[in-house]
Amino acid sequence: MGALENDLSPDTWIGLSFPLGRSESGFFQQTQTTLEQTSHNIKNLLLTMKGERPFLPEFGSDLYSILFDPIRSDTTIKVEEAIKDALKMWLPHVVINRIDVNTSEQNPNQIDVAIEFGVTIEPGIFDSLQLTFFSNF
């Protein structure tokens, strides 16, 4: 059975949702579509610092190292590049439609990231993911 057939089957589970948590059936919460699982995989990848995962030190993104620096005019460009680099390396099946990186006027140490993405097996179908980061400066 292929990925598209799995997505259409209500009895097939694709993977685990992030963060891990119990479901009503007593098992971990699971995802039912490739696009839904990809959203959780992106979040897991971007929130993992390089060097944090044992035995796979290159897994993750450089987002936190960028955010430990003071926010400057080029910070949004660096954040976008870090996202693209991590996705290209670890999730090459992800198609990025748009990345919006914004600083908050209310909190100058906050960066909001919105990613609109799809997967190569379902061209033209997109989902979105929002993440908020806080700089230490």
Protein backbone atom coordinates (compact mmCIF):
# COMPACT_ATOMS: atom_id res chain seq x y z
CA MET A 1 0.00 0.00 0.00
CA GLY A 2 1.38 3.42 -0.96
CA ALA A 3 1.45 6.64 1.04
CA LEU A 4 -1.65 8.08 -0.66
CA GLU A 5 -3.63 4.92 0.01
CA ASN A 6 -2.53 5.03 3.66
CA ASP A 7 -3.71 8.64 3.92
CA LEU A 8 -7.16 7.65 2.68
CA SER A 9 -7.55 4.68 5.02
CA PRO A 10 -9.22 5.58 8.35
CA ASP A 11 -7.72 2.43 9.90
CA THR A 12 -4.09 3.27 9.11
CA TRP A 13 -1.85 5.33 11.36
CA ILE A 14 1.22 7.03 9.90
CA GLY A 15 3.30 8.00 12.93
CA LEU A 16 3.43 9.62 16.36
CA SER A 17 2.37 13.18 17.06
CA PHE A 18 4.65 15.65 18.79
CA PRO A 19 4.89 16.22 21.70
CA LEU A 20 4.37 12.67 22.81
CA GLY A 21 1.21 12.14 24.82
CA ARG A 22 -1.30 9.42 25.65
CA SER A 23 -4.36 8.96 23.51
CA GLU A 24 -7.79 7.81 24.65
CA SER A 25 -6.92 4.27 23.55
CA GLY A 26 -3.94 4.20 25.94
CA PHE A 27 -1.24 4.44 23.29
CA PHE A 28 0.68 7.47 22.08
CA GLN A 29 -1.26 10.02 20.05
CA GLN A 30 -0.84 9.16 16.39
CA THR A 31 -1.23 10.85 13.03
CA GLN A 32 -3.35 9.61 10.15
CA THR A 33 -1.98 11.45 7.11
CA THR A 34 1.44 12.03 5.65
CA LEU A 35 0.89 15.80 5.73
CA GLU A 36 -0.10 15.72 9.41
CA GLN A 37 2.96 13.59 10.27
CA THR A 38 5.19 15.90 8.24
CA SER A 39 3.99 18.85 10.34
CA HIS A 40 5.07 17.04 13.51
CA ASN A 41 8.39 16.02 11.91
CA ILE A 42 9.13 19.63 10.93
CA LYS A 43 8.37 20.84 14.44
CA ASN A 44 10.59 18.13 15.94
CA LEU A 45 13.43 18.95 13.56
CA LEU A 46 13.33 22.72 14.05
CA LEU A 47 13.03 22.56 17.84
CA THR A 48 16.03 20.21 18.11
CA MET A 49 19.42 21.88 18.41
CA LYS A 50 22.29 20.38 16.44
CA GLY A 51 24.31 18.24 18.81
CA GLU A 52 21.33 17.58 21.09
CA ARG A 53 20.41 14.15 19.70
CA PRO A 54 22.72 11.31 20.77
CA PHE A 55 24.46 9.40 17.97
CA LEU A 56 23.10 11.85 15.37
CA PRO A 57 24.83 15.15 16.20
CA GLU A 58 24.01 16.86 12.90
CA PHE A 59 20.26 16.31 13.31
CA GLY A 60 18.33 19.48 14.09
CA SER A 61 18.54 23.12 13.12
CA ASP A 62 20.63 26.19 13.91
CA LEU A 63 17.61 28.21 15.04
CA TYR A 64 18.52 28.36 18.70
CA SER A 65 22.11 29.40 18.00
CA ILE A 66 20.74 32.27 15.88
CA LEU A 67 18.29 33.25 18.59
CA PHE A 68 20.99 33.39 21.27
CA ASP A 69 22.36 36.42 19.42
CA PRO A 70 20.68 39.81 19.70
CA ILE A 71 17.89 40.30 17.15
CA ARG A 72 19.13 42.47 14.27
CA SER A 73 17.87 43.39 10.82
CA ASP A 74 19.32 40.20 9.28
CA THR A 75 17.96 37.82 11.94
CA THR A 76 14.79 37.03 9.98
CA ILE A 77 16.89 36.12 6.92
CA LYS A 78 19.14 33.88 9.03
CA VAL A 79 16.11 32.15 10.58
CA GLU A 80 14.60 31.49 7.15
CA GLU A 81 17.91 30.10 5.84
CA ALA A 82 18.30 27.84 8.90
CA ILE A 83 14.81 26.44 8.33
CA LYS A 84 15.44 25.81 4.64
CA ASP A 85 18.83 24.18 5.32
CA ALA A 86 17.43 21.82 7.97
CA LEU A 87 14.46 20.80 5.84
CA LYS A 88 16.63 20.27 2.76
CA MET A 89 18.99 18.02 4.72
CA TRP A 90 16.57 15.97 6.84
CA LEU A 91 13.15 16.21 5.19
CA PRO A 92 13.82 16.46 1.45
CA HIS A 93 10.25 15.35 0.65
CA VAL A 94 8.93 18.63 2.09
CA VAL A 95 7.97 21.35 -0.38
CA ILE A 96 8.15 24.82 1.16
CA ASN A 97 5.50 27.13 -0.24
CA ARG A 98 6.17 30.05 2.09
CA ILE A 99 8.10 30.99 5.23
CA ASP A 100 7.13 34.13 7.15
CA VAL A 101 9.44 35.31 9.92
CA ASN A 102 8.24 38.26 11.99
CA THR A 103 9.45 40.02 15.08
CA SER A 104 6.85 41.04 17.64
CA GLU A 105 6.23 44.72 18.31
CA GLN A 106 4.93 43.91 21.81
CA ASN A 107 7.93 41.76 22.72
CA PRO A 108 11.19 42.65 20.94
CA ASN A 109 12.69 39.29 21.98
CA GLN A 110 9.98 37.24 20.25
CA ILE A 111 10.15 35.82 16.74
CA ASP A 112 7.09 34.26 15.12
CA VAL A 113 7.59 31.77 12.29
CA ALA A 114 4.84 30.55 9.95
CA ILE A 115 5.65 27.83 7.43
CA GLU A 116 3.35 26.76 4.64
CA PHE A 117 4.45 23.39 3.31
CA GLY A 118 3.42 20.34 1.35
CA VAL A 119 4.91 16.97 0.48
CA THR A 120 6.14 15.76 -2.90
CA ILE A 121 3.62 12.89 -3.07
CA GLU A 122 0.68 15.32 -2.85
CA PRO A 123 1.57 18.35 -4.99
CA GLY A 124 -0.68 21.35 -4.55
CA ILE A 125 -1.92 20.37 -1.07
CA PHE A 126 -0.45 22.49 1.70
CA ASP A 127 -0.63 22.77 5.47
CA SER A 128 0.83 25.37 7.80
CA LEU A 129 2.73 25.38 11.03
CA GLN A 130 3.34 28.26 13.45
CA LEU A 131 6.21 28.43 15.93
CA THR A 132 7.17 31.13 18.42
CA PHE A 133 10.73 31.60 19.64
CA PHE A 134 12.05 33.86 22.37
CA SER A 135 15.53 35.31 22.13
CA ASN A 136 17.62 35.52 25.30
CA PHE A 137 18.59 39.14 24.61
